[in-house]
Amino acid sequence: MIAIAGLVVGVVLGLVFEPTVPSGLQPYLPIAVVAALDAVFGAFRAYLDGKFDDKVFVVSFVSNVLIAGLIVYLGDQLGVGGQLSTGVIVVLGIRIFANAAAVRRHVFHA
């Protein structure tokens, strides 16, 4: 219940204050969102499996975002940022769909 309340408060604050992302960080925002979604889907899967640990979730959430951002930053420095961004999105996308499939199997028993 606390997580849902936090989500609602975050969405309302975002709509009220309309924050802007600095132009230097804009290329990293989609990567950070996908990395965060990977952590959230993994946490939901762990919750349904009865293995959820809030400390693991927080560490996974923060480390996923930081590592994905770092990989893309290094790619930008090497001149291959677009290719590494695509690679990060593909890998995290595969993980998200794998977790979503596990959640679907757990919920619908199919």
PDB file of N, CA and C in Angstrom:
ATOM      1  N   MET A   1       0.819  -1.194   0.000  1.00  0.00           N
ATOM      2  CA  MET A   1       0.000   0.000   0.000  1.00  0.00           C
ATOM      3  C   MET A   1       0.859   1.253   0.000  1.00  0.00           C
ATOM      4  N   ILE A   2       1.973   1.208   0.717  1.00  0.00           N
ATOM      5  CA  ILE A   2       2.871   2.365   0.772  1.00  0.00           C
ATOM      6  C   ILE A   2       3.463   2.644  -0.610  1.00  0.00           C
ATOM      7  N   ALA A   3       3.803   1.589  -1.338  1.00  0.00           N
ATOM      8  CA  ALA A   3       4.376   1.773  -2.674  1.00  0.00           C
ATOM      9  C   ALA A   3       3.370   2.427  -3.616  1.00  0.00           C
ATOM     10  N   ILE A   4       2.124   2.022  -3.540  1.00  0.00           N
ATOM     11  CA  ILE A   4       1.093   2.608  -4.401  1.00  0.00           C
ATOM     12  C   ILE A   4       0.879   4.071  -4.030  1.00  0.00           C
ATOM     13  N   ALA A   5       0.855   4.372  -2.748  1.00  0.00           N
ATOM     14  CA  ALA A   5       0.706   5.761  -2.309  1.00  0.00           C
ATOM     15  C   ALA A   5       1.893   6.601  -2.782  1.00  0.00           C
ATOM     16  N   GLY A   6       3.081   6.045  -2.691  1.00  0.00           N
ATOM     17  CA  GLY A   6       4.272   6.750  -3.172  1.00  0.00           C
ATOM     18  C   GLY A   6       4.221   7.007  -4.668  1.00  0.00           C
ATOM     19  N   LEU A   7       3.730   6.025  -5.411  1.00  0.00           N
ATOM     20  CA  LEU A   7       3.587   6.197  -6.860  1.00  0.00           C
ATOM     21  C   LEU A   7       2.596   7.300  -7.185  1.00  0.00           C
ATOM     22  N   VAL A   8       1.458   7.296  -6.502  1.00  0.00           N
ATOM     23  CA  VAL A   8       0.435   8.327  -6.742  1.00  0.00           C
ATOM     24  C   VAL A   8       0.985   9.713  -6.393  1.00  0.00           C
ATOM     25  N   VAL A   9       1.652   9.825  -5.248  1.00  0.00           N
ATOM     26  CA  VAL A   9       2.226  11.112  -4.844  1.00  0.00           C
ATOM     27  C   VAL A   9       3.269  11.578  -5.863  1.00  0.00           C
ATOM     28  N   GLY A  10       4.102  10.662  -6.338  1.00  0.00           N
ATOM     29  CA  GLY A  10       5.115  11.008  -7.333  1.00  0.00           C
ATOM     30  C   GLY A  10       4.512  11.488  -8.637  1.00  0.00           C
ATOM     31  N   VAL A  11       3.472  10.816  -9.100  1.00  0.00           N
ATOM     32  CA  VAL A  11       2.808  11.225 -10.346  1.00  0.00           C
ATOM     33  C   VAL A  11       2.160  12.594 -10.171  1.00  0.00           C
ATOM     34  N   VAL A  12       1.490  12.810  -9.053  1.00  0.00           N
ATOM     35  CA  VAL A  12       0.840  14.105  -8.811  1.00  0.00           C
ATOM     36  C   VAL A  12       1.886  15.215  -8.738  1.00  0.00           C
ATOM     37  N   LEU A  13       2.975  14.991  -8.015  1.00  0.00           N
ATOM     38  CA  LEU A  13       4.028  16.003  -7.928  1.00  0.00           C
ATOM     39  C   LEU A  13       4.633  16.291  -9.302  1.00  0.00           C
ATOM     40  N   GLY A  14       4.816  15.258 -10.101  1.00  0.00           N
ATOM     41  CA  GLY A  14       5.341  15.454 -11.448  1.00  0.00           C
ATOM     42  C   GLY A  14       4.409  16.267 -12.318  1.00  0.00           C
ATOM     43  N   LEU A  15       3.114  16.030 -12.191  1.00  0.00           N
ATOM     44  CA  LEU A  15       2.142  16.795 -12.974  1.00  0.00           C
ATOM     45  C   LEU A  15       2.039  18.240 -12.497  1.00  0.00           C
ATOM     46  N   VAL A  16       2.166  18.450 -11.197  1.00  0.00           N
ATOM     47  CA  VAL A  16       2.045  19.805 -10.648  1.00  0.00           C
ATOM     48  C   VAL A  16       3.289  20.639 -10.963  1.00  0.00           C
ATOM     49  N   PHE A  17       4.467  20.094 -10.712  1.00  0.00           N
ATOM     50  CA  PHE A  17       5.696  20.869 -10.860  1.00  0.00           C
ATOM     51  C   PHE A  17       6.297  20.816 -12.264  1.00  0.00           C
ATOM     52  N   GLU A  18       5.887  19.862 -13.081  1.00  0.00           N
ATOM     53  CA  GLU A  18       6.383  19.701 -14.446  1.00  0.00           C
ATOM     54  C   GLU A  18       7.904  19.869 -14.519  1.00  0.00           C
ATOM     55  N   PRO A  19       8.651  18.947 -13.912  1.00  0.00           N
ATOM     56  CA  PRO A  19      10.114  19.103 -13.912  1.00  0.00           C
ATOM     57  C   PRO A  19      10.689  18.935 -15.312  1.00  0.00           C
ATOM     58  N   THR A  20      11.816  19.583 -15.550  1.00  0.00           N
ATOM     59  CA  THR A  20      12.506  19.444 -16.826  1.00  0.00           C
ATOM     60  C   THR A  20      13.824  18.719 -16.591  1.00  0.00           C
ATOM     61  N   VAL A  21      14.227  17.987 -17.570  1.00  0.00           N
ATOM     62  CA  VAL A  21      15.486  17.262 -17.505  1.00  0.00           C
ATOM     63  C   VAL A  21      16.533  18.110 -18.223  1.00  0.00           C
ATOM     64  N   PRO A  22      17.680  18.351 -17.597  1.00  0.00           N
ATOM     65  CA  PRO A  22      18.729  19.116 -18.280  1.00  0.00           C
ATOM     66  C   PRO A  22      19.107  18.452 -19.600  1.00  0.00           C
ATOM     67  N   SER A  23      19.420  19.270 -20.583  1.00  0.00           N
ATOM     68  CA  SER A  23      19.674  18.735 -21.929  1.00  0.00           C
ATOM     69  C   SER A  23      20.837  17.752 -21.945  1.00  0.00           C
ATOM     70  N   GLY A  24      21.804  17.915 -21.054  1.00  0.00           N
ATOM     71  CA  GLY A  24      22.927  16.986 -21.017  1.00  0.00           C
ATOM     72  C   GLY A  24      22.548  15.599 -20.522  1.00  0.00           C
ATOM     73  N   LEU A  25      21.459  15.510 -19.772  1.00  0.00           N
ATOM     74  CA  LEU A  25      21.022  14.221 -19.235  1.00  0.00           C
ATOM     75  C   LEU A  25      19.898  13.579 -20.038  1.00  0.00           C
ATOM     76  N   GLN A  26      19.333  14.292 -20.993  1.00  0.00           N
ATOM     77  CA  GLN A  26      18.200  13.764 -21.758  1.00  0.00           C
ATOM     78  C   GLN A  26      18.488  12.459 -22.496  1.00  0.00           C
ATOM     79  N   PRO A  27      19.677  12.254 -23.047  1.00  0.00           N
ATOM     80  CA  PRO A  27      19.916  10.961 -23.712  1.00  0.00           C
ATOM     81  C   PRO A  27      19.907   9.769 -22.758  1.00  0.00           C
ATOM     82  N   TYR A  28      20.116  10.036 -21.469  1.00  0.00           N
ATOM     83  CA  TYR A  28      20.204   8.949 -20.495  1.00  0.00           C
ATOM     84  C   TYR A  28      18.872   8.631 -19.837  1.00  0.00           C
ATOM     85  N   LEU A  29      17.900   9.505 -19.956  1.00  0.00           N
ATOM     86  CA  LEU A  29      16.614   9.295 -19.300  1.00  0.00           C
ATOM     87  C   LEU A  29      15.896   8.032 -19.790  1.00  0.00           C
ATOM     88  N   PRO A  30      15.783   7.790 -21.101  1.00  0.00           N
ATOM     89  CA  PRO A  30      15.108   6.547 -21.523  1.00  0.00           C
ATOM     90  C   PRO A  30      15.815   5.292 -21.011  1.00  0.00           C
ATOM     91  N   ILE A  31      17.129   5.324 -20.978  1.00  0.00           N
ATOM     92  CA  ILE A  31      17.888   4.176 -20.475  1.00  0.00           C
ATOM     93  C   ILE A  31      17.603   3.969 -18.991  1.00  0.00           C
ATOM     94  N   ALA A  32      17.567   5.062 -18.239  1.00  0.00           N
ATOM     95  CA  ALA A  32      17.295   4.970 -16.802  1.00  0.00           C
ATOM     96  C   ALA A  32      15.890   4.446 -16.552  1.00  0.00           C
ATOM     97  N   VAL A  33      14.928   4.874 -17.352  1.00  0.00           N
ATOM     98  CA  VAL A  33      13.546   4.409 -17.171  1.00  0.00           C
ATOM     99  C   VAL A  33      13.442   2.915 -17.456  1.00  0.00           C
ATOM    100  N   VAL A  34      14.068   2.455 -18.523  1.00  0.00           N
ATOM    101  CA  VAL A  34      14.015   1.020 -18.852  1.00  0.00           C
ATOM    102  C   VAL A  34      14.733   0.206 -17.782  1.00  0.00           C
ATOM    103  N   ALA A  35      15.863   0.696 -17.280  1.00  0.00           N
ATOM    104  CA  ALA A  35      16.574  -0.010 -16.211  1.00  0.00           C
ATOM    105  C   ALA A  35      15.724  -0.074 -14.941  1.00  0.00           C
ATOM    106  N   ALA A  36      15.028   1.011 -14.637  1.00  0.00           N
ATOM    107  CA  ALA A  36      14.152   1.025 -13.466  1.00  0.00           C
ATOM    108  C   ALA A  36      12.986   0.060 -13.646  1.00  0.00           C
ATOM    109  N   LEU A  37      12.417   0.019 -14.851  1.00  0.00           N
ATOM    110  CA  LEU A  37      11.326  -0.921 -15.124  1.00  0.00           C
ATOM    111  C   LEU A  37      11.787  -2.367 -14.965  1.00  0.00           C
ATOM    112  N   ASP A  38      13.021  -2.639 -15.368  1.00  0.00           N
ATOM    113  CA  ASP A  38      13.565  -3.990 -15.194  1.00  0.00           C
ATOM    114  C   ASP A  38      13.592  -4.360 -13.716  1.00  0.00           C
ATOM    115  N   ALA A  39      14.023  -3.425 -12.872  1.00  0.00           N
ATOM    116  CA  ALA A  39      14.062  -3.698 -11.434  1.00  0.00           C
ATOM    117  C   ALA A  39      12.660  -3.888 -10.865  1.00  0.00           C
ATOM    118  N   VAL A  40      11.711  -3.089 -11.332  1.00  0.00           N
ATOM    119  CA  VAL A  40      10.336  -3.184 -10.826  1.00  0.00           C
ATOM    120  C   VAL A  40       9.704  -4.517 -11.230  1.00  0.00           C
ATOM    121  N   PHE A  41       9.869  -4.917 -12.491  1.00  0.00           N
ATOM    122  CA  PHE A  41       9.305  -6.198 -12.925  1.00  0.00           C
ATOM    123  C   PHE A  41       9.978  -7.365 -12.206  1.00  0.00           C
ATOM    124  N   GLY A  42      11.282  -7.260 -11.972  1.00  0.00           N
ATOM    125  CA  GLY A  42      11.977  -8.293 -11.213  1.00  0.00           C
ATOM    126  C   GLY A  42      11.477  -8.376  -9.784  1.00  0.00           C
ATOM    127  N   ALA A  43      11.205  -7.225  -9.188  1.00  0.00           N
ATOM    128  CA  ALA A  43      10.683  -7.206  -7.815  1.00  0.00           C
ATOM    129  C   ALA A  43       9.284  -7.803  -7.754  1.00  0.00           C
ATOM    130  N   PHE A  44       8.460  -7.488  -8.742  1.00  0.00           N
ATOM    131  CA  PHE A  44       7.104  -8.039  -8.757  1.00  0.00           C
ATOM    132  C   PHE A  44       7.133  -9.548  -8.924  1.00  0.00           C
ATOM    133  N   ARG A  45       8.029 -10.017  -9.775  1.00  0.00           N
ATOM    134  CA  ARG A  45       8.178 -11.465  -9.952  1.00  0.00           C
ATOM    135  C   ARG A  45       8.642 -12.114  -8.642  1.00  0.00           C
ATOM    136  N   ALA A  46       9.609 -11.495  -7.985  1.00  0.00           N
ATOM    137  CA  ALA A  46      10.095 -12.034  -6.711  1.00  0.00           C
ATOM    138  C   ALA A  46       8.990 -12.018  -5.661  1.00  0.00           C
ATOM    139  N   TYR A  47       8.163 -10.988  -5.664  1.00  0.00           N
ATOM    140  CA  TYR A  47       7.047 -10.916  -4.718  1.00  0.00           C
ATOM    141  C   TYR A  47       6.077 -12.074  -4.938  1.00  0.00           C
ATOM    142  N   LEU A  48       5.751 -12.341  -6.201  1.00  0.00           N
ATOM    143  CA  LEU A  48       4.825 -13.439  -6.493  1.00  0.00           C
ATOM    144  C   LEU A  48       5.435 -14.797  -6.166  1.00  0.00           C
ATOM    145  N   ASP A  49       6.765 -14.892  -6.271  1.00  0.00           N
ATOM    146  CA  ASP A  49       7.452 -16.143  -5.928  1.00  0.00           C
ATOM    147  C   ASP A  49       7.706 -16.270  -4.432  1.00  0.00           C
ATOM    148  N   GLY A  50       7.366 -15.229  -3.665  1.00  0.00           N
ATOM    149  CA  GLY A  50       7.587 -15.253  -2.222  1.00  0.00           C
ATOM    150  C   GLY A  50       9.031 -15.026  -1.831  1.00  0.00           C
ATOM    151  N   LYS A  51       9.827 -14.407  -2.711  1.00  0.00           N
ATOM    152  CA  LYS A  51      11.250 -14.193  -2.447  1.00  0.00           C
ATOM    153  C   LYS A  51      11.627 -12.718  -2.400  1.00  0.00           C
ATOM    154  N   PHE A  52      10.640 -11.829  -2.313  1.00  0.00           N
ATOM    155  CA  PHE A  52      10.922 -10.397  -2.360  1.00  0.00           C
ATOM    156  C   PHE A  52      11.672  -9.943  -1.125  1.00  0.00           C
ATOM    157  N   ASP A  53      12.696  -9.135  -1.355  1.00  0.00           N
ATOM    158  CA  ASP A  53      13.458  -8.511  -0.271  1.00  0.00           C
ATOM    159  C   ASP A  53      13.626  -7.042  -0.631  1.00  0.00           C
ATOM    160  N   ASP A  54      13.168  -6.169   0.250  1.00  0.00           N
ATOM    161  CA  ASP A  54      13.188  -4.736  -0.078  1.00  0.00           C
ATOM    162  C   ASP A  54      14.599  -4.199  -0.251  1.00  0.00           C
ATOM    163  N   LYS A  55      15.557  -4.708   0.486  1.00  0.00           N
ATOM    164  CA  LYS A  55      16.949  -4.259   0.333  1.00  0.00           C
ATOM    165  C   LYS A  55      17.496  -4.659  -1.034  1.00  0.00           C
ATOM    166  N   VAL A  56      17.197  -5.855  -1.454  1.00  0.00           N
ATOM    167  CA  VAL A  56      17.637  -6.307  -2.776  1.00  0.00           C
ATOM    168  C   VAL A  56      16.999  -5.449  -3.858  1.00  0.00           C
ATOM    169  N   PHE A  57      15.725  -5.104  -3.680  1.00  0.00           N
ATOM    170  CA  PHE A  57      15.043  -4.270  -4.669  1.00  0.00           C
ATOM    171  C   PHE A  57      15.699  -2.894  -4.786  1.00  0.00           C
ATOM    172  N   VAL A  58      15.969  -2.262  -3.657  1.00  0.00           N
ATOM    173  CA  VAL A  58      16.565  -0.920  -3.694  1.00  0.00           C
ATOM    174  C   VAL A  58      17.944  -0.967  -4.336  1.00  0.00           C
ATOM    175  N   VAL A  59      18.752  -1.933  -3.949  1.00  0.00           N
ATOM    176  CA  VAL A  59      20.092  -2.055  -4.533  1.00  0.00           C
ATOM    177  C   VAL A  59      19.994  -2.353  -6.020  1.00  0.00           C
ATOM    178  N   SER A  60      19.088  -3.238  -6.417  1.00  0.00           N
ATOM    179  CA  SER A  60      18.903  -3.567  -7.828  1.00  0.00           C
ATOM    180  C   SER A  60      18.437  -2.351  -8.606  1.00  0.00           C
ATOM    181  N   PHE A  61      17.486  -1.613  -8.067  1.00  0.00           N
ATOM    182  CA  PHE A  61      16.947  -0.431  -8.739  1.00  0.00           C
ATOM    183  C   PHE A  61      18.050   0.588  -8.993  1.00  0.00           C
ATOM    184  N   VAL A  62      18.770   0.949  -7.944  1.00  0.00           N
ATOM    185  CA  VAL A  62      19.814   1.971  -8.063  1.00  0.00           C
ATOM    186  C   VAL A  62      20.954   1.487  -8.950  1.00  0.00           C
ATOM    187  N   SER A  63      21.409   0.253  -8.742  1.00  0.00           N
ATOM    188  CA  SER A  63      22.541  -0.234  -9.528  1.00  0.00           C
ATOM    189  C   SER A  63      22.175  -0.410 -11.001  1.00  0.00           C
ATOM    190  N   ASN A  64      20.959  -0.872 -11.305  1.00  0.00           N
ATOM    191  CA  ASN A  64      20.544  -0.993 -12.703  1.00  0.00           C
ATOM    192  C   ASN A  64      20.603   0.356 -13.402  1.00  0.00           C
ATOM    193  N   VAL A  65      20.048   1.378 -12.762  1.00  0.00           N
ATOM    194  CA  VAL A  65      20.021   2.714 -13.366  1.00  0.00           C
ATOM    195  C   VAL A  65      21.436   3.247 -13.539  1.00  0.00           C
ATOM    196  N   LEU A  66      22.266   3.122 -12.511  1.00  0.00           N
ATOM    197  CA  LEU A  66      23.626   3.655 -12.592  1.00  0.00           C
ATOM    198  C   LEU A  66      24.478   2.916 -13.619  1.00  0.00           C
ATOM    199  N   ILE A  67      24.396   1.597 -13.631  1.00  0.00           N
ATOM    200  CA  ILE A  67      25.216   0.823 -14.572  1.00  0.00           C
ATOM    201  C   ILE A  67      24.773   1.068 -16.006  1.00  0.00           C
ATOM    202  N   ALA A  68      23.470   1.088 -16.245  1.00  0.00           N
ATOM    203  CA  ALA A  68      22.986   1.355 -17.597  1.00  0.00           C
ATOM    204  C   ALA A  68      23.403   2.751 -18.054  1.00  0.00           C
ATOM    205  N   GLY A  69      23.275   3.735 -17.180  1.00  0.00           N
ATOM    206  CA  GLY A  69      23.700   5.092 -17.523  1.00  0.00           C
ATOM    207  C   GLY A  69      25.198   5.172 -17.774  1.00  0.00           C
ATOM    208  N   LEU A  70      25.974   4.467 -16.957  1.00  0.00           N
ATOM    209  CA  LEU A  70      27.424   4.465 -17.132  1.00  0.00           C
ATOM    210  C   LEU A  70      27.829   3.828 -18.457  1.00  0.00           C
ATOM    211  N   ILE A  71      27.182   2.735 -18.816  1.00  0.00           N
ATOM    212  CA  ILE A  71      27.488   2.084 -20.092  1.00  0.00           C
ATOM    213  C   ILE A  71      27.216   3.033 -21.251  1.00  0.00           C
ATOM    214  N   VAL A  72      26.087   3.713 -21.217  1.00  0.00           N
ATOM    215  CA  VAL A  72      25.749   4.644 -22.298  1.00  0.00           C
ATOM    216  C   VAL A  72      26.697   5.844 -22.292  1.00  0.00           C
ATOM    217  N   TYR A  73      27.059   6.331 -21.110  1.00  0.00           N
ATOM    218  CA  TYR A  73      28.006   7.443 -21.019  1.00  0.00           C
ATOM    219  C   TYR A  73      29.356   7.049 -21.625  1.00  0.00           C
ATOM    220  N   LEU A  74      29.840   5.872 -21.267  1.00  0.00           N
ATOM    221  CA  LEU A  74      31.106   5.409 -21.837  1.00  0.00           C
ATOM    222  C   LEU A  74      31.000   5.257 -23.349  1.00  0.00           C
ATOM    223  N   GLY A  75      29.859   4.777 -23.815  1.00  0.00           N
ATOM    224  CA  GLY A  75      29.641   4.682 -25.252  1.00  0.00           C
ATOM    225  C   GLY A  75      29.672   6.041 -25.919  1.00  0.00           C
ATOM    226  N   ASP A  76      29.098   7.044 -25.276  1.00  0.00           N
ATOM    227  CA  ASP A  76      29.147   8.406 -25.807  1.00  0.00           C
ATOM    228  C   ASP A  76      30.579   8.909 -25.876  1.00  0.00           C
ATOM    229  N   GLN A  77      31.352   8.611 -24.858  1.00  0.00           N
ATOM    230  CA  GLN A  77      32.752   9.051 -24.844  1.00  0.00           C
ATOM    231  C   GLN A  77      33.571   8.361 -25.928  1.00  0.00           C
ATOM    232  N   LEU A  78      33.208   7.133 -26.248  1.00  0.00           N
ATOM    233  CA  LEU A  78      33.920   6.384 -27.287  1.00  0.00           C
ATOM    234  C   LEU A  78      33.356   6.633 -28.680  1.00  0.00           C
ATOM    235  N   GLY A  79      32.245   7.347 -28.759  1.00  0.00           N
ATOM    236  CA  GLY A  79      31.641   7.645 -30.055  1.00  0.00           C
ATOM    237  C   GLY A  79      30.688   6.573 -30.548  1.00  0.00           C
ATOM    238  N   VAL A  80      30.299   5.658 -29.680  1.00  0.00           N
ATOM    239  CA  VAL A  80      29.377   4.590 -30.073  1.00  0.00           C
ATOM    240  C   VAL A  80      28.174   4.552 -29.124  1.00  0.00           C
ATOM    241  N   GLY A  81      27.771   5.722 -28.655  1.00  0.00           N
ATOM    242  CA  GLY A  81      26.688   5.800 -27.674  1.00  0.00           C
ATOM    243  C   GLY A  81      25.386   5.225 -28.181  1.00  0.00           C
ATOM    244  N   GLY A  82      25.067   5.472 -29.451  1.00  0.00           N
ATOM    245  CA  GLY A  82      23.819   4.950 -30.011  1.00  0.00           C
ATOM    246  C   GLY A  82      23.780   3.435 -30.022  1.00  0.00           C
ATOM    247  N   GLN A  83      24.886   2.830 -30.395  1.00  0.00           N
ATOM    248  CA  GLN A  83      24.936   1.368 -30.447  1.00  0.00           C
ATOM    249  C   GLN A  83      24.843   0.768 -29.047  1.00  0.00           C
ATOM    250  N   LEU A  84      25.542   1.373 -28.077  1.00  0.00           N
ATOM    251  CA  LEU A  84      25.469   0.838 -26.720  1.00  0.00           C
ATOM    252  C   LEU A  84      24.104   1.097 -26.106  1.00  0.00           C
ATOM    253  N   SER A  85      23.473   2.217 -26.445  1.00  0.00           N
ATOM    254  CA  SER A  85      22.110   2.463 -25.960  1.00  0.00           C
ATOM    255  C   SER A  85      21.178   1.375 -26.459  1.00  0.00           C
ATOM    256  N   THR A  86      21.300   1.047 -27.727  1.00  0.00           N
ATOM    257  CA  THR A  86      20.466  -0.009 -28.304  1.00  0.00           C
ATOM    258  C   THR A  86      20.732  -1.337 -27.613  1.00  0.00           C
ATOM    259  N   GLY A  87      21.987  -1.630 -27.364  1.00  0.00           N
ATOM    260  CA  GLY A  87      22.336  -2.876 -26.686  1.00  0.00           C
ATOM    261  C   GLY A  87      21.758  -2.962 -25.290  1.00  0.00           C
ATOM    262  N   VAL A  88      21.846  -1.869 -24.545  1.00  0.00           N
ATOM    263  CA  VAL A  88      21.301  -1.839 -23.183  1.00  0.00           C
ATOM    264  C   VAL A  88      19.789  -2.021 -23.220  1.00  0.00           C
ATOM    265  N   ILE A  89      19.124  -1.330 -24.143  1.00  0.00           N
ATOM    266  CA  ILE A  89      17.670  -1.443 -24.258  1.00  0.00           C
ATOM    267  C   ILE A  89      17.268  -2.871 -24.609  1.00  0.00           C
ATOM    268  N   VAL A  90      18.007  -3.509 -25.515  1.00  0.00           N
ATOM    269  CA  VAL A  90      17.676  -4.884 -25.918  1.00  0.00           C
ATOM    270  C   VAL A  90      17.840  -5.842 -24.737  1.00  0.00           C
ATOM    271  N   VAL A  91      18.948  -5.739 -24.042  1.00  0.00           N
ATOM    272  CA  VAL A  91      19.195  -6.648 -22.916  1.00  0.00           C
ATOM    273  C   VAL A  91      18.158  -6.451 -21.815  1.00  0.00           C
ATOM    274  N   LEU A  92      17.916  -5.196 -21.452  1.00  0.00           N
ATOM    275  CA  LEU A  92      16.934  -4.945 -20.402  1.00  0.00           C
ATOM    276  C   LEU A  92      15.527  -5.304 -20.871  1.00  0.00           C
ATOM    277  N   GLY A  93      15.240  -5.077 -22.144  1.00  0.00           N
ATOM    278  CA  GLY A  93      13.932  -5.459 -22.692  1.00  0.00           C
ATOM    279  C   GLY A  93      13.704  -6.957 -22.603  1.00  0.00           C
ATOM    280  N   ILE A  94      14.728  -7.719 -22.910  1.00  0.00           N
ATOM    281  CA  ILE A  94      14.615  -9.180 -22.810  1.00  0.00           C
ATOM    282  C   ILE A  94      14.333  -9.579 -21.365  1.00  0.00           C
ATOM    283  N   ARG A  95      15.030  -8.957 -20.418  1.00  0.00           N
ATOM    284  CA  ARG A  95      14.802  -9.264 -18.997  1.00  0.00           C
ATOM    285  C   ARG A  95      13.391  -8.873 -18.567  1.00  0.00           C
ATOM    286  N   ILE A  96      12.915  -7.722 -19.043  1.00  0.00           N
ATOM    287  CA  ILE A  96      11.572  -7.281 -18.687  1.00  0.00           C
ATOM    288  C   ILE A  96      10.537  -8.262 -19.213  1.00  0.00           C
ATOM    289  N   PHE A  97      10.674  -8.676 -20.474  1.00  0.00           N
ATOM    290  CA  PHE A  97       9.712  -9.621 -21.037  1.00  0.00           C
ATOM    291  C   PHE A  97       9.798 -10.992 -20.372  1.00  0.00           C
ATOM    292  N   ALA A  98      10.983 -11.407 -19.969  1.00  0.00           N
ATOM    293  CA  ALA A  98      11.115 -12.680 -19.248  1.00  0.00           C
ATOM    294  C   ALA A  98      10.403 -12.602 -17.895  1.00  0.00           C
ATOM    295  N   ASN A  99      10.588 -11.492 -17.196  1.00  0.00           N
ATOM    296  CA  ASN A  99       9.893 -11.327 -15.913  1.00  0.00           C
ATOM    297  C   ASN A  99       8.391 -11.200 -16.108  1.00  0.00           C
ATOM    298  N   ALA A 100       7.970 -10.494 -17.158  1.00  0.00           N
ATOM    299  CA  ALA A 100       6.536 -10.359 -17.428  1.00  0.00           C
ATOM    300  C   ALA A 100       5.925 -11.721 -17.749  1.00  0.00           C
ATOM    301  N   ALA A 101       6.655 -12.558 -18.475  1.00  0.00           N
ATOM    302  CA  ALA A 101       6.159 -13.900 -18.783  1.00  0.00           C
ATOM    303  C   ALA A 101       6.031 -14.733 -17.507  1.00  0.00           C
ATOM    304  N   ALA A 102       7.003 -14.607 -16.613  1.00  0.00           N
ATOM    305  CA  ALA A 102       6.930 -15.341 -15.345  1.00  0.00           C
ATOM    306  C   ALA A 102       5.753 -14.856 -14.501  1.00  0.00           C
ATOM    307  N   VAL A 103       5.503 -13.556 -14.491  1.00  0.00           N
ATOM    308  CA  VAL A 103       4.369 -13.007 -13.760  1.00  0.00           C
ATOM    309  C   VAL A 103       3.066 -13.528 -14.371  1.00  0.00           C
ATOM    310  N   ARG A 104       3.001 -13.513 -15.698  1.00  0.00           N
ATOM    311  CA  ARG A 104       1.788 -13.998 -16.381  1.00  0.00           C
ATOM    312  C   ARG A 104       1.538 -15.478 -16.042  1.00  0.00           C
ATOM    313  N   ARG A 105       2.591 -16.285 -16.068  1.00  0.00           N
ATOM    314  CA  ARG A 105       2.438 -17.702 -15.724  1.00  0.00           C
ATOM    315  C   ARG A 105       1.968 -17.869 -14.285  1.00  0.00           C
ATOM    316  N   HIS A 106       2.489 -17.053 -13.401  1.00  0.00           N
ATOM    317  CA  HIS A 106       2.116 -17.151 -11.998  1.00  0.00           C
ATOM    318  C   HIS A 106       0.667 -16.716 -11.776  1.00  0.00           C
ATOM    319  N   VAL A 107       0.262 -15.619 -12.414  1.00  0.00           N
ATOM    320  CA  VAL A 107      -1.075 -15.075 -12.205  1.00  0.00           C
ATOM    321  C   VAL A 107      -2.142 -15.926 -12.892  1.00  0.00           C
ATOM    322  N   PHE A 108      -1.878 -16.295 -14.139  1.00  0.00           N
ATOM    323  CA  PHE A 108      -2.894 -17.016 -14.929  1.00  0.00           C
ATOM    324  C   PHE A 108      -2.669 -18.517 -14.975  1.00  0.00           C
ATOM    325  N   HIS A 109      -1.620 -18.995 -14.323  1.00  0.00           N
ATOM    326  CA  HIS A 109      -1.307 -20.430 -14.298  1.00  0.00           C
ATOM    327  C   HIS A 109      -1.244 -21.009 -15.707  1.00  0.00           C
ATOM    328  N   ALA A 110      -0.669 -20.226 -16.612  1.00  0.00           N
ATOM    329  CA  ALA A 110      -0.551 -20.688 -18.006  1.00  0.00           C
ATOM    330  C   ALA A 110       0.829 -20.423 -18.522  1.00  0.00           C
TER     331      ALA A 110
END
